[in-house]
Amino acid sequence: MREGWVGDDYLILFEADELQDASARYSFSELLPGYMLRGLRNWDDFIVDDNAGHLFTVSTVPTRKAQLETFHLPGIDKIWTADERFTGKIKWYLKPLVFGGDPSSPENQTWVSHEQHAQLVRYWNNLYGSMAANNS
């Protein structure tokens, strides 16, 4: 895993040998069929690619195809700055923004492990999907 600051973005990129485990941990084929998980951008967005190799970001909650945004990885000449404060941790909103959580409230933020993050992403995406289905 490669992680650190690149400009204003904190990027976490999974190495080739980690991709399958990371995708399984998030049940990514169910979250966003047809896309491959590559990493995280600023803790709130997944970095994904499609079958043609085009990169995108998409919110971790809700993870929906309609929210894909084109993304370009920084070039190899860009400096990655490691930050020990964040290594191995992911920022999480206790009440996700789509459910009305306040992104500026310190009481709404915590730091979780990668495994916890995957569990939370699956839980909140399932809840979002259930609520959307009930409202249609």
N, C-alpha and C. Protein backbone atom coordinates (compact mmCIF):
# COMPACT_ATOMS: atom_id res chain seq x y z
N MET A 1 0.85 -1.16 0.00
CA MET A 1 0.00 0.00 0.00
C MET A 1 0.90 1.23 0.00
N ARG A 2 0.51 2.18 -0.80
CA ARG A 2 1.25 3.45 -0.85
C ARG A 2 0.29 4.53 -0.39
N GLU A 3 0.70 5.31 0.60
CA GLU A 3 -0.17 6.37 1.07
C GLU A 3 0.62 7.58 1.48
N GLY A 4 -0.02 8.73 1.32
CA GLY A 4 0.61 9.99 1.71
C GLY A 4 -0.04 11.16 1.00
N TRP A 5 0.46 12.32 1.33
CA TRP A 5 -0.02 13.56 0.72
C TRP A 5 0.63 13.75 -0.64
N VAL A 6 -0.20 14.09 -1.61
CA VAL A 6 0.27 14.52 -2.93
C VAL A 6 -0.47 15.83 -3.18
N GLY A 7 0.23 16.93 -2.97
CA GLY A 7 -0.45 18.22 -3.00
C GLY A 7 -1.45 18.29 -1.86
N ASP A 8 -2.69 18.64 -2.18
CA ASP A 8 -3.74 18.75 -1.16
C ASP A 8 -4.50 17.45 -0.94
N ASP A 9 -4.17 16.41 -1.67
CA ASP A 9 -4.88 15.12 -1.56
C ASP A 9 -4.09 14.13 -0.72
N TYR A 10 -4.81 13.42 0.15
CA TYR A 10 -4.22 12.28 0.84
C TYR A 10 -4.66 11.05 0.08
N LEU A 11 -3.72 10.33 -0.52
CA LEU A 11 -4.04 9.19 -1.35
C LEU A 11 -3.58 7.89 -0.68
N ILE A 12 -4.41 6.88 -0.82
CA ILE A 12 -4.07 5.52 -0.42
C ILE A 12 -4.27 4.67 -1.66
N LEU A 13 -3.19 4.08 -2.17
CA LEU A 13 -3.28 3.23 -3.35
C LEU A 13 -2.88 1.82 -2.97
N PHE A 14 -3.71 0.87 -3.35
CA PHE A 14 -3.41 -0.53 -3.08
C PHE A 14 -2.43 -1.04 -4.13
N GLU A 15 -1.46 -1.83 -3.68
CA GLU A 15 -0.51 -2.45 -4.58
C GLU A 15 -1.22 -3.59 -5.32
N ALA A 16 -0.64 -4.04 -6.41
CA ALA A 16 -1.26 -5.09 -7.24
C ALA A 16 -1.63 -6.33 -6.43
N ASP A 17 -0.76 -6.73 -5.51
CA ASP A 17 -1.04 -7.94 -4.73
C ASP A 17 -2.07 -7.71 -3.62
N GLU A 18 -2.51 -6.48 -3.41
CA GLU A 18 -3.51 -6.15 -2.38
C GLU A 18 -4.90 -5.92 -2.96
N LEU A 19 -4.99 -5.75 -4.27
CA LEU A 19 -6.26 -5.35 -4.89
C LEU A 19 -7.38 -6.35 -4.65
N GLN A 20 -7.10 -7.62 -4.81
CA GLN A 20 -8.14 -8.63 -4.65
C GLN A 20 -8.66 -8.66 -3.21
N ASP A 21 -7.76 -8.62 -2.23
CA ASP A 21 -8.18 -8.62 -0.83
C ASP A 21 -8.98 -7.36 -0.49
N ALA A 22 -8.52 -6.21 -0.96
CA ALA A 22 -9.23 -4.96 -0.68
C ALA A 22 -10.62 -4.98 -1.31
N SER A 23 -10.72 -5.44 -2.54
CA SER A 23 -12.03 -5.53 -3.20
C SER A 23 -12.96 -6.47 -2.46
N ALA A 24 -12.45 -7.59 -2.00
CA ALA A 24 -13.27 -8.55 -1.25
C ALA A 24 -13.71 -7.95 0.08
N ARG A 25 -12.81 -7.26 0.76
CA ARG A 25 -13.12 -6.66 2.06
C ARG A 25 -14.30 -5.70 1.95
N TYR A 26 -14.35 -4.93 0.88
CA TYR A 26 -15.43 -3.96 0.66
C TYR A 26 -16.63 -4.57 -0.07
N SER A 27 -16.54 -5.84 -0.49
CA SER A 27 -17.56 -6.44 -1.37
C SER A 27 -17.77 -5.52 -2.56
N PHE A 28 -16.66 -5.10 -3.16
CA PHE A 28 -16.71 -4.04 -4.16
C PHE A 28 -17.48 -4.42 -5.41
N SER A 29 -17.46 -5.69 -5.78
CA SER A 29 -18.20 -6.10 -6.98
C SER A 29 -19.70 -5.91 -6.78
N GLU A 30 -20.16 -5.90 -5.54
CA GLU A 30 -21.58 -5.62 -5.25
C GLU A 30 -21.82 -4.11 -5.15
N LEU A 31 -20.86 -3.38 -4.61
CA LEU A 31 -21.01 -1.94 -4.47
C LEU A 31 -21.05 -1.23 -5.81
N LEU A 32 -20.13 -1.61 -6.69
CA LEU A 32 -20.01 -0.92 -7.97
C LEU A 32 -19.61 -1.92 -9.06
N PRO A 33 -20.58 -2.72 -9.51
CA PRO A 33 -20.28 -3.75 -10.51
C PRO A 33 -19.62 -3.15 -11.76
N GLY A 34 -18.61 -3.86 -12.26
CA GLY A 34 -17.94 -3.43 -13.48
C GLY A 34 -16.75 -2.52 -13.24
N TYR A 35 -16.47 -2.18 -11.98
CA TYR A 35 -15.35 -1.30 -11.66
C TYR A 35 -14.43 -2.00 -10.67
N MET A 36 -13.15 -1.63 -10.73
CA MET A 36 -12.14 -2.20 -9.84
C MET A 36 -11.69 -1.14 -8.84
N LEU A 37 -11.61 -1.54 -7.60
CA LEU A 37 -11.12 -0.66 -6.55
C LEU A 37 -9.60 -0.51 -6.67
N ARG A 38 -9.11 0.72 -6.62
CA ARG A 38 -7.67 0.98 -6.70
C ARG A 38 -7.14 1.65 -5.43
N GLY A 39 -8.01 2.41 -4.73
CA GLY A 39 -7.54 3.09 -3.53
C GLY A 39 -8.57 4.06 -3.00
N LEU A 40 -8.08 5.00 -2.20
CA LEU A 40 -8.92 6.03 -1.58
C LEU A 40 -8.29 7.40 -1.79
N ARG A 41 -9.15 8.39 -1.92
CA ARG A 41 -8.70 9.78 -2.04
C ARG A 41 -9.35 10.59 -0.93
N ASN A 42 -8.54 11.19 -0.11
CA ASN A 42 -9.01 12.04 0.99
C ASN A 42 -10.01 11.33 1.90
N TRP A 43 -9.87 10.03 2.02
CA TRP A 43 -10.65 9.19 2.92
C TRP A 43 -12.13 9.10 2.56
N ASP A 44 -12.68 10.06 1.82
CA ASP A 44 -14.11 10.08 1.52
C ASP A 44 -14.48 9.44 0.19
N ASP A 45 -13.51 9.28 -0.67
CA ASP A 45 -13.79 8.79 -2.02
C ASP A 45 -12.92 7.58 -2.36
N PHE A 46 -13.55 6.64 -3.07
CA PHE A 46 -12.79 5.54 -3.65
C PHE A 46 -12.13 6.02 -4.94
N ILE A 47 -11.01 5.43 -5.28
CA ILE A 47 -10.41 5.57 -6.60
C ILE A 47 -10.67 4.25 -7.30
N VAL A 48 -11.31 4.30 -8.47
CA VAL A 48 -11.70 3.08 -9.18
C VAL A 48 -11.33 3.22 -10.65
N ASP A 49 -11.32 2.08 -11.34
CA ASP A 49 -11.19 2.14 -12.79
C ASP A 49 -12.18 1.19 -13.44
N ASP A 50 -12.46 1.48 -14.70
CA ASP A 50 -13.39 0.64 -15.45
C ASP A 50 -12.59 -0.36 -16.29
N ASN A 51 -13.30 -1.15 -17.08
CA ASN A 51 -12.64 -2.19 -17.89
C ASN A 51 -11.68 -1.60 -18.93
N ALA A 52 -11.89 -0.34 -19.30
CA ALA A 52 -11.02 0.30 -20.28
C ALA A 52 -9.82 0.99 -19.62
N GLY A 53 -9.75 0.95 -18.29
CA GLY A 53 -8.63 1.54 -17.58
C GLY A 53 -8.77 3.01 -17.25
N HIS A 54 -9.98 3.57 -17.44
CA HIS A 54 -10.21 4.97 -17.09
C HIS A 54 -10.40 5.09 -15.58
N LEU A 55 -9.75 6.06 -14.97
CA LEU A 55 -9.84 6.26 -13.52
C LEU A 55 -10.95 7.23 -13.15
N PHE A 56 -11.55 6.96 -11.99
CA PHE A 56 -12.62 7.79 -11.45
C PHE A 56 -12.50 7.84 -9.94
N THR A 57 -13.17 8.81 -9.34
CA THR A 57 -13.42 8.78 -7.91
C THR A 57 -14.93 8.68 -7.74
N VAL A 58 -15.32 8.11 -6.61
CA VAL A 58 -16.74 7.98 -6.28
C VAL A 58 -16.83 7.95 -4.76
N SER A 59 -17.87 8.54 -4.23
CA SER A 59 -18.06 8.60 -2.79
C SER A 59 -18.08 7.20 -2.17
N THR A 60 -17.54 7.09 -0.97
CA THR A 60 -17.60 5.80 -0.28
C THR A 60 -19.01 5.51 0.20
N VAL A 61 -19.79 6.55 0.54
CA VAL A 61 -21.20 6.40 0.93
C VAL A 61 -21.96 7.61 0.43
N PRO A 62 -22.91 7.44 -0.46
CA PRO A 62 -23.23 6.19 -1.14
C PRO A 62 -22.30 5.98 -2.33
N THR A 63 -22.00 4.74 -2.61
CA THR A 63 -21.19 4.39 -3.77
C THR A 63 -22.15 4.10 -4.91
N ARG A 64 -22.27 5.05 -5.83
CA ARG A 64 -23.22 4.93 -6.93
C ARG A 64 -22.55 5.34 -8.24
N LYS A 65 -22.84 4.58 -9.28
CA LYS A 65 -22.25 4.83 -10.60
C LYS A 65 -22.52 6.24 -11.08
N ALA A 66 -23.70 6.77 -10.77
CA ALA A 66 -24.06 8.11 -11.21
C ALA A 66 -23.15 9.20 -10.64
N GLN A 67 -22.38 8.87 -9.60
CA GLN A 67 -21.52 9.86 -8.95
C GLN A 67 -20.05 9.75 -9.37
N LEU A 68 -19.76 8.92 -10.35
CA LEU A 68 -18.38 8.79 -10.81
C LEU A 68 -17.86 10.11 -11.36
N GLU A 69 -16.64 10.47 -10.98
CA GLU A 69 -15.98 11.66 -11.51
C GLU A 69 -14.61 11.26 -12.03
N THR A 70 -14.25 11.76 -13.20
CA THR A 70 -12.95 11.46 -13.79
C THR A 70 -11.83 11.87 -12.84
N PHE A 71 -10.80 11.03 -12.77
CA PHE A 71 -9.67 11.29 -11.88
C PHE A 71 -8.38 10.95 -12.60
N HIS A 72 -7.34 11.70 -12.32
CA HIS A 72 -6.02 11.44 -12.88
C HIS A 72 -5.04 11.30 -11.73
N LEU A 73 -4.35 10.19 -11.69
CA LEU A 73 -3.31 10.01 -10.67
C LEU A 73 -2.18 10.99 -10.93
N PRO A 74 -1.57 11.46 -9.86
CA PRO A 74 -0.43 12.35 -10.06
C PRO A 74 0.70 11.60 -10.75
N GLY A 75 1.47 12.32 -11.53
CA GLY A 75 2.60 11.71 -12.24
C GLY A 75 3.67 11.21 -11.28
N ILE A 76 4.53 10.36 -11.79
CA ILE A 76 5.58 9.78 -10.95
C ILE A 76 6.56 10.83 -10.44
N ASP A 77 6.54 12.01 -11.07
CA ASP A 77 7.43 13.08 -10.63
C ASP A 77 6.90 13.83 -9.41
N LYS A 78 5.64 13.60 -9.06
CA LYS A 78 5.05 14.26 -7.90
C LYS A 78 5.58 13.64 -6.62
N ILE A 79 5.79 14.46 -5.65
CA ILE A 79 6.33 13.99 -4.37
C ILE A 79 5.19 13.52 -3.47
N TRP A 80 5.35 12.30 -2.97
CA TRP A 80 4.44 11.74 -1.98
C TRP A 80 5.05 12.01 -0.62
N THR A 81 4.30 12.62 0.27
CA THR A 81 4.79 12.92 1.60
C THR A 81 4.08 12.06 2.61
N ALA A 82 4.81 11.14 3.20
CA ALA A 82 4.23 10.26 4.23
C ALA A 82 3.85 11.11 5.43
N ASP A 83 2.79 10.69 6.14
CA ASP A 83 2.33 11.40 7.32
C ASP A 83 1.98 10.36 8.37
N GLU A 84 2.88 10.16 9.32
CA GLU A 84 2.73 9.12 10.34
C GLU A 84 1.42 9.25 11.12
N ARG A 85 0.86 10.45 11.21
CA ARG A 85 -0.40 10.63 11.94
C ARG A 85 -1.54 9.84 11.31
N PHE A 86 -1.46 9.59 10.00
CA PHE A 86 -2.57 8.98 9.28
C PHE A 86 -2.27 7.59 8.74
N THR A 87 -1.04 7.15 8.81
CA THR A 87 -0.67 5.86 8.24
C THR A 87 -1.51 4.74 8.86
N GLY A 88 -2.17 3.98 7.99
CA GLY A 88 -2.98 2.85 8.43
C GLY A 88 -4.33 3.23 9.00
N LYS A 89 -4.71 4.50 8.89
CA LYS A 89 -5.98 4.97 9.44
C LYS A 89 -6.80 5.64 8.34
N ILE A 90 -8.11 5.61 8.52
CA ILE A 90 -9.01 6.28 7.59
C ILE A 90 -9.99 7.12 8.41
N LYS A 91 -10.14 8.39 7.99
CA LYS A 91 -11.10 9.28 8.66
C LYS A 91 -12.52 8.81 8.31
N TRP A 92 -13.36 8.80 9.33
CA TRP A 92 -14.75 8.37 9.13
C TRP A 92 -15.69 9.32 9.82
N TYR A 93 -16.78 9.63 9.14
CA TYR A 93 -17.85 10.43 9.76
C TYR A 93 -18.81 9.47 10.44
N LEU A 94 -19.00 9.63 11.75
CA LEU A 94 -19.87 8.74 12.51
C LEU A 94 -21.27 8.73 11.91
N LYS A 95 -21.74 9.88 11.49
CA LYS A 95 -22.99 9.99 10.74
C LYS A 95 -22.59 10.49 9.35
N PRO A 96 -22.59 9.59 8.36
CA PRO A 96 -22.16 9.99 7.01
C PRO A 96 -22.90 11.23 6.50
N LEU A 97 -22.23 11.98 5.65
CA LEU A 97 -22.76 13.25 5.15
C LEU A 97 -24.10 13.08 4.46
N VAL A 98 -24.27 12.01 3.69
CA VAL A 98 -25.51 11.79 2.96
C VAL A 98 -26.70 11.57 3.91
N PHE A 99 -26.41 11.22 5.16
CA PHE A 99 -27.44 11.03 6.18
C PHE A 99 -27.56 12.26 7.08
N GLY A 100 -26.93 13.37 6.68
CA GLY A 100 -27.05 14.61 7.43
C GLY A 100 -25.92 14.88 8.39
N GLY A 101 -24.85 14.10 8.34
CA GLY A 101 -23.71 14.33 9.22
C GLY A 101 -22.99 15.62 8.89
N ASP A 102 -22.43 16.24 9.91
CA ASP A 102 -21.73 17.51 9.76
C ASP A 102 -20.24 17.24 9.55
N PRO A 103 -19.69 17.59 8.37
CA PRO A 103 -18.27 17.30 8.10
C PRO A 103 -17.31 18.17 8.92
N SER A 104 -17.79 19.28 9.47
CA SER A 104 -16.90 20.16 10.23
C SER A 104 -16.95 19.92 11.73
N SER A 105 -17.84 19.05 12.17
CA SER A 105 -17.96 18.77 13.60
C SER A 105 -16.95 17.72 14.05
N PRO A 106 -16.07 18.07 14.98
CA PRO A 106 -15.12 17.09 15.50
C PRO A 106 -15.82 15.89 16.15
N GLU A 107 -17.01 16.10 16.70
CA GLU A 107 -17.76 15.02 17.33
C GLU A 107 -18.27 14.01 16.31
N ASN A 108 -18.28 14.39 15.04
CA ASN A 108 -18.75 13.49 13.99
C ASN A 108 -17.60 12.77 13.28
N GLN A 109 -16.37 12.94 13.76
CA GLN A 109 -15.22 12.35 13.10
C GLN A 109 -14.49 11.38 14.03
N THR A 110 -14.03 10.30 13.45
CA THR A 110 -13.20 9.34 14.16
C THR A 110 -12.21 8.74 13.17
N TRP A 111 -11.26 7.98 13.67
CA TRP A 111 -10.28 7.31 12.82
C TRP A 111 -10.47 5.81 13.00
N VAL A 112 -10.52 5.10 11.88
CA VAL A 112 -10.76 3.66 11.91
C VAL A 112 -9.68 2.93 11.12
N SER A 113 -9.59 1.62 11.36
CA SER A 113 -8.67 0.78 10.59
C SER A 113 -9.26 0.51 9.20
N HIS A 114 -8.47 -0.06 8.34
CA HIS A 114 -8.97 -0.40 7.00
C HIS A 114 -10.10 -1.44 7.08
N GLU A 115 -9.97 -2.40 7.96
CA GLU A 115 -11.01 -3.42 8.12
C GLU A 115 -12.30 -2.79 8.64
N GLN A 116 -12.21 -1.92 9.64
CA GLN A 116 -13.39 -1.24 10.16
C GLN A 116 -14.03 -0.38 9.08
N HIS A 117 -13.20 0.29 8.29
CA HIS A 117 -13.72 1.15 7.22
C HIS A 117 -14.54 0.33 6.23
N ALA A 118 -14.04 -0.83 5.85
CA ALA A 118 -14.76 -1.68 4.91
C ALA A 118 -16.12 -2.09 5.50
N GLN A 119 -16.14 -2.46 6.78
CA GLN A 119 -17.39 -2.84 7.43
C GLN A 119 -18.38 -1.68 7.45
N LEU A 120 -17.90 -0.49 7.78
CA LEU A 120 -18.76 0.69 7.83
C LEU A 120 -19.30 1.06 6.44
N VAL A 121 -18.43 1.00 5.45
CA VAL A 121 -18.86 1.31 4.08
C VAL A 121 -19.95 0.34 3.63
N ARG A 122 -19.76 -0.94 3.89
CA ARG A 122 -20.78 -1.92 3.50
C ARG A 122 -22.09 -1.66 4.25
N TYR A 123 -22.01 -1.44 5.55
CA TYR A 123 -23.21 -1.21 6.37
C TYR A 123 -24.00 0.01 5.87
N TRP A 124 -23.32 1.15 5.74
CA TRP A 124 -24.02 2.38 5.37
C TRP A 124 -24.52 2.35 3.93
N ASN A 125 -23.80 1.70 3.01
CA ASN A 125 -24.30 1.56 1.65
C ASN A 125 -25.52 0.66 1.61
N ASN A 126 -25.53 -0.41 2.41
CA ASN A 126 -26.72 -1.27 2.48
C ASN A 126 -27.91 -0.50 3.03
N LEU A 127 -27.68 0.30 4.08
CA LEU A 127 -28.76 1.11 4.65
C LEU A 127 -29.27 2.12 3.63
N TYR A 128 -28.37 2.77 2.93
CA TYR A 128 -28.76 3.74 1.92
C TYR A 128 -29.60 3.06 0.83
N GLY A 129 -29.13 1.89 0.37
CA GLY A 129 -29.87 1.16 -0.66
C GLY A 129 -31.25 0.74 -0.18
N SER A 130 -31.35 0.30 1.06
CA SER A 130 -32.65 -0.09 1.62
C SER A 130 -33.60 1.11 1.69
N MET A 131 -33.08 2.24 2.14
CA MET A 131 -33.91 3.43 2.25
C MET A 131 -34.36 3.91 0.87
N ALA A 132 -33.46 3.86 -0.11
CA ALA A 132 -33.80 4.28 -1.46
C ALA A 132 -34.88 3.37 -2.05
N ALA A 133 -34.76 2.06 -1.78
CA ALA A 133 -35.75 1.10 -2.30
C ALA A 133 -37.12 1.33 -1.65
N ASN A 134 -37.13 1.68 -0.37
CA ASN A 134 -38.39 1.93 0.32
C ASN A 134 -39.06 3.22 -0.10
N ASN A 135 -38.27 4.16 -0.63
CA ASN A 135 -38.83 5.45 -1.05
C ASN A 135 -39.24 5.46 -2.52
N SER A 136 -39.04 4.33 -3.22
CA SER A 136 -39.42 4.32 -4.64
C SER A 136 -40.71 3.61 -4.86
